[in-house]
Amino acid sequence: MADIELVQGEFGDSYDITIYDEETGSPADLDNFDTLTLNVYTTDLVTSILSVSLSKPGDTGVVRWSITSAHTSTITAGDFHAQIDMVDSSVTVRRKTKYMTMRVLSKLA
């Protein structure tokens, strides 16, 4: 099972991801980050497949990907790596999560 799983062409749903503070093991405080971006790459990390803005729904450490048809219409079925980039408004603090696995399943006919 991958960290993120979805079906090719899927849209209309939201995908919540909890980011944990490695030092405390608790959900991370994201209050100081204004820009949250999910970046998806091929497994060799050479090619960028997708870059989407995330929102903060209000729960500590949680970011939300509201999936639109534009996000998933060009992604082929397969395995990828994903990472969340977090930046403050002055672009002085930048953090990235560890890479996550992402699997896109073939759409059933």
C-alpha atoms as a PDB file:
ATOM      1  CA  MET A   1       0.000   0.000   0.000  1.00  0.00           C
ATOM      2  CA  ALA A   2       1.241   3.464  -0.889  1.00  0.00           C
ATOM      3  CA  ASP A   3       1.104   6.565   1.304  1.00  0.00           C
ATOM      4  CA  ILE A   4      -1.173   8.210  -1.281  1.00  0.00           C
ATOM      5  CA  GLU A   5      -3.472   6.157  -3.509  1.00  0.00           C
ATOM      6  CA  LEU A   6      -5.957   7.321  -6.080  1.00  0.00           C
ATOM      7  CA  VAL A   7      -7.536   6.169  -9.318  1.00  0.00           C
ATOM      8  CA  GLN A   8      -6.441   7.545 -12.683  1.00  0.00           C
ATOM      9  CA  GLY A   9      -8.714  10.467 -13.584  1.00  0.00           C
ATOM     10  CA  GLU A  10     -10.303  10.579 -10.098  1.00  0.00           C
ATOM     11  CA  PHE A  11     -11.472  14.015  -8.969  1.00  0.00           C
ATOM     12  CA  GLY A  12     -14.033  15.724  -6.765  1.00  0.00           C
ATOM     13  CA  ASP A  13     -12.707  14.329  -3.493  1.00  0.00           C
ATOM     14  CA  SER A  14     -10.377  15.745  -0.871  1.00  0.00           C
ATOM     15  CA  TYR A  15      -7.309  13.917   0.354  1.00  0.00           C
ATOM     16  CA  ASP A  16      -6.130  14.841   3.854  1.00  0.00           C
ATOM     17  CA  ILE A  17      -2.493  14.252   4.783  1.00  0.00           C
ATOM     18  CA  THR A  18      -1.172  14.602   8.337  1.00  0.00           C
ATOM     19  CA  ILE A  19       2.380  15.890   8.699  1.00  0.00           C
ATOM     20  CA  TYR A  20       4.161  14.841  11.889  1.00  0.00           C
ATOM     21  CA  ASP A  21       6.958  16.602  13.761  1.00  0.00           C
ATOM     22  CA  GLU A  22       9.832  14.116  13.787  1.00  0.00           C
ATOM     23  CA  GLU A  23      11.152  15.347  17.154  1.00  0.00           C
ATOM     24  CA  THR A  24       7.905  15.035  19.104  1.00  0.00           C
ATOM     25  CA  GLY A  25       5.947  12.520  17.054  1.00  0.00           C
ATOM     26  CA  SER A  26       2.942  14.868  17.266  1.00  0.00           C
ATOM     27  CA  PRO A  27       1.164  16.527  14.354  1.00  0.00           C
ATOM     28  CA  ALA A  28       3.306  19.440  13.114  1.00  0.00           C
ATOM     29  CA  ASP A  29       2.385  23.070  13.773  1.00  0.00           C
ATOM     30  CA  LEU A  30       1.787  24.509  10.306  1.00  0.00           C
ATOM     31  CA  ASP A  31       0.527  27.935  11.426  1.00  0.00           C
ATOM     32  CA  ASN A  32       3.607  29.803  10.153  1.00  0.00           C
ATOM     33  CA  PHE A  33       3.461  28.270   6.679  1.00  0.00           C
ATOM     34  CA  ASP A  34       1.399  30.124   4.098  1.00  0.00           C
ATOM     35  CA  THR A  35       2.227  28.148   0.974  1.00  0.00           C
ATOM     36  CA  LEU A  36       1.844  24.367   0.971  1.00  0.00           C
ATOM     37  CA  THR A  37       2.531  22.499  -2.257  1.00  0.00           C
ATOM     38  CA  LEU A  38       2.290  18.803  -3.100  1.00  0.00           C
ATOM     39  CA  ASN A  39       4.926  17.867  -5.681  1.00  0.00           C
ATOM     40  CA  VAL A  40       4.770  14.510  -7.451  1.00  0.00           C
ATOM     41  CA  TYR A  41       7.774  13.019  -9.271  1.00  0.00           C
ATOM     42  CA  THR A  42       8.673   9.880 -11.159  1.00  0.00           C
ATOM     43  CA  THR A  43      10.257   7.226  -8.918  1.00  0.00           C
ATOM     44  CA  ASP A  44      13.738   8.242 -10.090  1.00  0.00           C
ATOM     45  CA  LEU A  45      12.915  11.826  -8.937  1.00  0.00           C
ATOM     46  CA  VAL A  46      13.932  13.205 -12.352  1.00  0.00           C
ATOM     47  CA  THR A  47      10.588  14.254 -13.832  1.00  0.00           C
ATOM     48  CA  SER A  48       7.964  16.423 -12.151  1.00  0.00           C
ATOM     49  CA  ILE A  49       4.503  14.968 -12.774  1.00  0.00           C
ATOM     50  CA  LEU A  50       2.282  17.302 -10.760  1.00  0.00           C
ATOM     51  CA  SER A  51       2.481  20.333  -8.490  1.00  0.00           C
ATOM     52  CA  VAL A  52      -0.672  21.409  -6.630  1.00  0.00           C
ATOM     53  CA  SER A  53      -1.494  23.867  -3.874  1.00  0.00           C
ATOM     54  CA  LEU A  54      -2.797  22.463  -0.607  1.00  0.00           C
ATOM     55  CA  SER A  55      -5.001  24.062   2.012  1.00  0.00           C
ATOM     56  CA  LYS A  56      -5.108  23.798   5.797  1.00  0.00           C
ATOM     57  CA  PRO A  57      -8.549  22.603   6.934  1.00  0.00           C
ATOM     58  CA  GLY A  58      -7.901  23.605  10.553  1.00  0.00           C
ATOM     59  CA  ASP A  59      -6.730  20.411  12.248  1.00  0.00           C
ATOM     60  CA  THR A  60      -3.174  20.592  13.582  1.00  0.00           C
ATOM     61  CA  GLY A  61      -0.704  19.131  11.105  1.00  0.00           C
ATOM     62  CA  VAL A  62      -3.301  18.388   8.420  1.00  0.00           C
ATOM     63  CA  VAL A  63      -3.109  19.595   4.826  1.00  0.00           C
ATOM     64  CA  ARG A  64      -5.821  19.005   2.257  1.00  0.00           C
ATOM     65  CA  TRP A  65      -5.577  18.247  -1.442  1.00  0.00           C
ATOM     66  CA  SER A  66      -8.884  19.103  -3.133  1.00  0.00           C
ATOM     67  CA  ILE A  67      -8.548  16.971  -6.246  1.00  0.00           C
ATOM     68  CA  THR A  68      -9.739  18.539  -9.506  1.00  0.00           C
ATOM     69  CA  SER A  69      -9.980  16.944 -12.934  1.00  0.00           C
ATOM     70  CA  ALA A  70      -7.027  19.056 -14.095  1.00  0.00           C
ATOM     71  CA  HIS A  71      -4.841  17.442 -11.421  1.00  0.00           C
ATOM     72  CA  THR A  72      -5.436  13.850 -12.456  1.00  0.00           C
ATOM     73  CA  SER A  73      -6.395  13.956 -16.137  1.00  0.00           C
ATOM     74  CA  THR A  74      -2.829  13.545 -17.403  1.00  0.00           C
ATOM     75  CA  ILE A  75      -1.367  11.238 -14.747  1.00  0.00           C
ATOM     76  CA  THR A  76      -0.878   7.696 -15.973  1.00  0.00           C
ATOM     77  CA  ALA A  77      -1.324   4.662 -13.760  1.00  0.00           C
ATOM     78  CA  GLY A  78       1.846   3.736 -11.898  1.00  0.00           C
ATOM     79  CA  ASP A  79       4.034   4.446  -8.902  1.00  0.00           C
ATOM     80  CA  PHE A  80       5.447   7.857  -8.041  1.00  0.00           C
ATOM     81  CA  HIS A  81       7.069   9.788  -5.205  1.00  0.00           C
ATOM     82  CA  ALA A  82       5.459  12.815  -3.568  1.00  0.00           C
ATOM     83  CA  GLN A  83       6.724  15.502  -1.222  1.00  0.00           C
ATOM     84  CA  ILE A  84       5.094  18.481   0.467  1.00  0.00           C
ATOM     85  CA  ASP A  85       6.921  21.815   0.319  1.00  0.00           C
ATOM     86  CA  MET A  86       6.022  24.299   3.098  1.00  0.00           C
ATOM     87  CA  VAL A  87       7.022  27.983   2.847  1.00  0.00           C
ATOM     88  CA  ASP A  88       6.271  31.024   5.038  1.00  0.00           C
ATOM     89  CA  SER A  89       5.023  34.317   3.549  1.00  0.00           C
ATOM     90  CA  SER A  90       8.461  35.965   3.553  1.00  0.00           C
ATOM     91  CA  VAL A  91      10.049  32.859   1.970  1.00  0.00           C
ATOM     92  CA  THR A  92      12.610  32.747   4.777  1.00  0.00           C
ATOM     93  CA  VAL A  93      11.492  29.423   6.243  1.00  0.00           C
ATOM     94  CA  ARG A  94      11.179  26.467   3.921  1.00  0.00           C
ATOM     95  CA  ARG A  95      10.547  22.873   5.007  1.00  0.00           C
ATOM     96  CA  LYS A  96       9.935  19.682   3.072  1.00  0.00           C
ATOM     97  CA  THR A  97       8.463  16.410   4.184  1.00  0.00           C
ATOM     98  CA  LYS A  98      10.157  13.111   3.579  1.00  0.00           C
ATOM     99  CA  TYR A  99       9.245  11.510   0.264  1.00  0.00           C
ATOM    100  CA  MET A 100       5.975   9.596   0.265  1.00  0.00           C
ATOM    101  CA  THR A 101       4.995   6.822  -2.087  1.00  0.00           C
ATOM    102  CA  MET A 102       2.091   7.502  -4.411  1.00  0.00           C
ATOM    103  CA  ARG A 103       0.215   4.935  -6.470  1.00  0.00           C
ATOM    104  CA  VAL A 104      -2.201   5.791  -9.246  1.00  0.00           C
ATOM    105  CA  LEU A 105      -4.436   2.835 -10.084  1.00  0.00           C
ATOM    106  CA  SER A 106      -5.840   2.187 -13.551  1.00  0.00           C
ATOM    107  CA  LYS A 107      -9.385   3.353 -14.084  1.00  0.00           C
ATOM    108  CA  LEU A 108     -11.831   0.505 -14.628  1.00  0.00           C
ATOM    109  CA  ALA A 109     -13.679   0.648 -17.921  1.00  0.00           C
END
